[in-house]
Amino acid sequence: MRSHLTTKLFATVFFYFLHLRVFAQADDEIQVYSSPITQKNITFVELHSNYTFRGANKLNPPSSARFLNESIEITHGFGHNFELGVYFFSAESPDHHYQYQGTHIRPRYTAPASWKLPIGLSLSAEFGFYRQESKNPYIWEGEIRPIIDKTYGAFYFSFNPNFDFAISGNDKHLGITPQFKSVYTIKQKVGVGFEYYGNIGTFQKILPGNDQEHLLGPMIDLYLSPVWEFNSGYLFGLTPESNHGIFKLLVGRRFGK
């Protein structure tokens, strides 16, 4: 009965937000990673839905750049320490024009338990092709994401010193995009906390403070069933060049034994 109710809850939340007619420009995937990987022979399917109520001040007017971003992530566990994921990115503009944006693959390796590290540690490498809009050519891009996390009682902390890169197009770069998450778990069912996402520039040029992007906001995680994952929150832009008012929703389902 509990599993059936949990399934109905996630389905209700998922379809409600999927049909909201609020469109915005936002990142395709807004997530701070934890070090554990998908278990062997398990396939994990996630839908990332993100939209921004107000864009950065450099967009004139800020509310004019509005898209609904939908990304599907499929990850399969191979062995005890390795998983492989694939992303399919898409967006819908305010005039209801749907566009496919690209695909990335993401291998990830986590430190074996036999290392007996005092922290969780894994490394993700993402690579693929992408375009922001259908009128633009695809570029080759990706990210390198070290993942460091730790649990202290009911508190959980994760730091992703992320580096994004582009190797084609007009904006070739190696960017510095750190991310952080802190959660307090209540009765092993609900996690409340905050997430932070930053973009401080590239290794060639650190941006001035007002030109950097810093997003911070409250988040909630629900642990109602071992086969489901739910994460949602609202991010506030802390600088003029940050997007403002991003709502994010992640719904995931595990399959297999």
Foldseek 3Di string as FASTA:
>chain_A
DLVVVVVVVLVVVVVVVVPDLFFADDDQDDDFDAQADDAAAKKKKKKKWKWFCFFFVVDVPRRQHTKIKIKIKIKHDHPRFKIKIKIWIWIAGNVRDIDTFWMKIKIKGWDDCVVVDQWTWMKIWIWIWGDPDPVDDIFIWTKIWIWIKHDDPQKIKIKTQMWIATDDDDDGFIWTKIKMWMWGDDPNFKTKTKIKIWTQGGPVDGDPPQQIWIKMWIKMWGPSDPFKTWIWIWIATPHSNYGGTMTMIMIMGMDDD
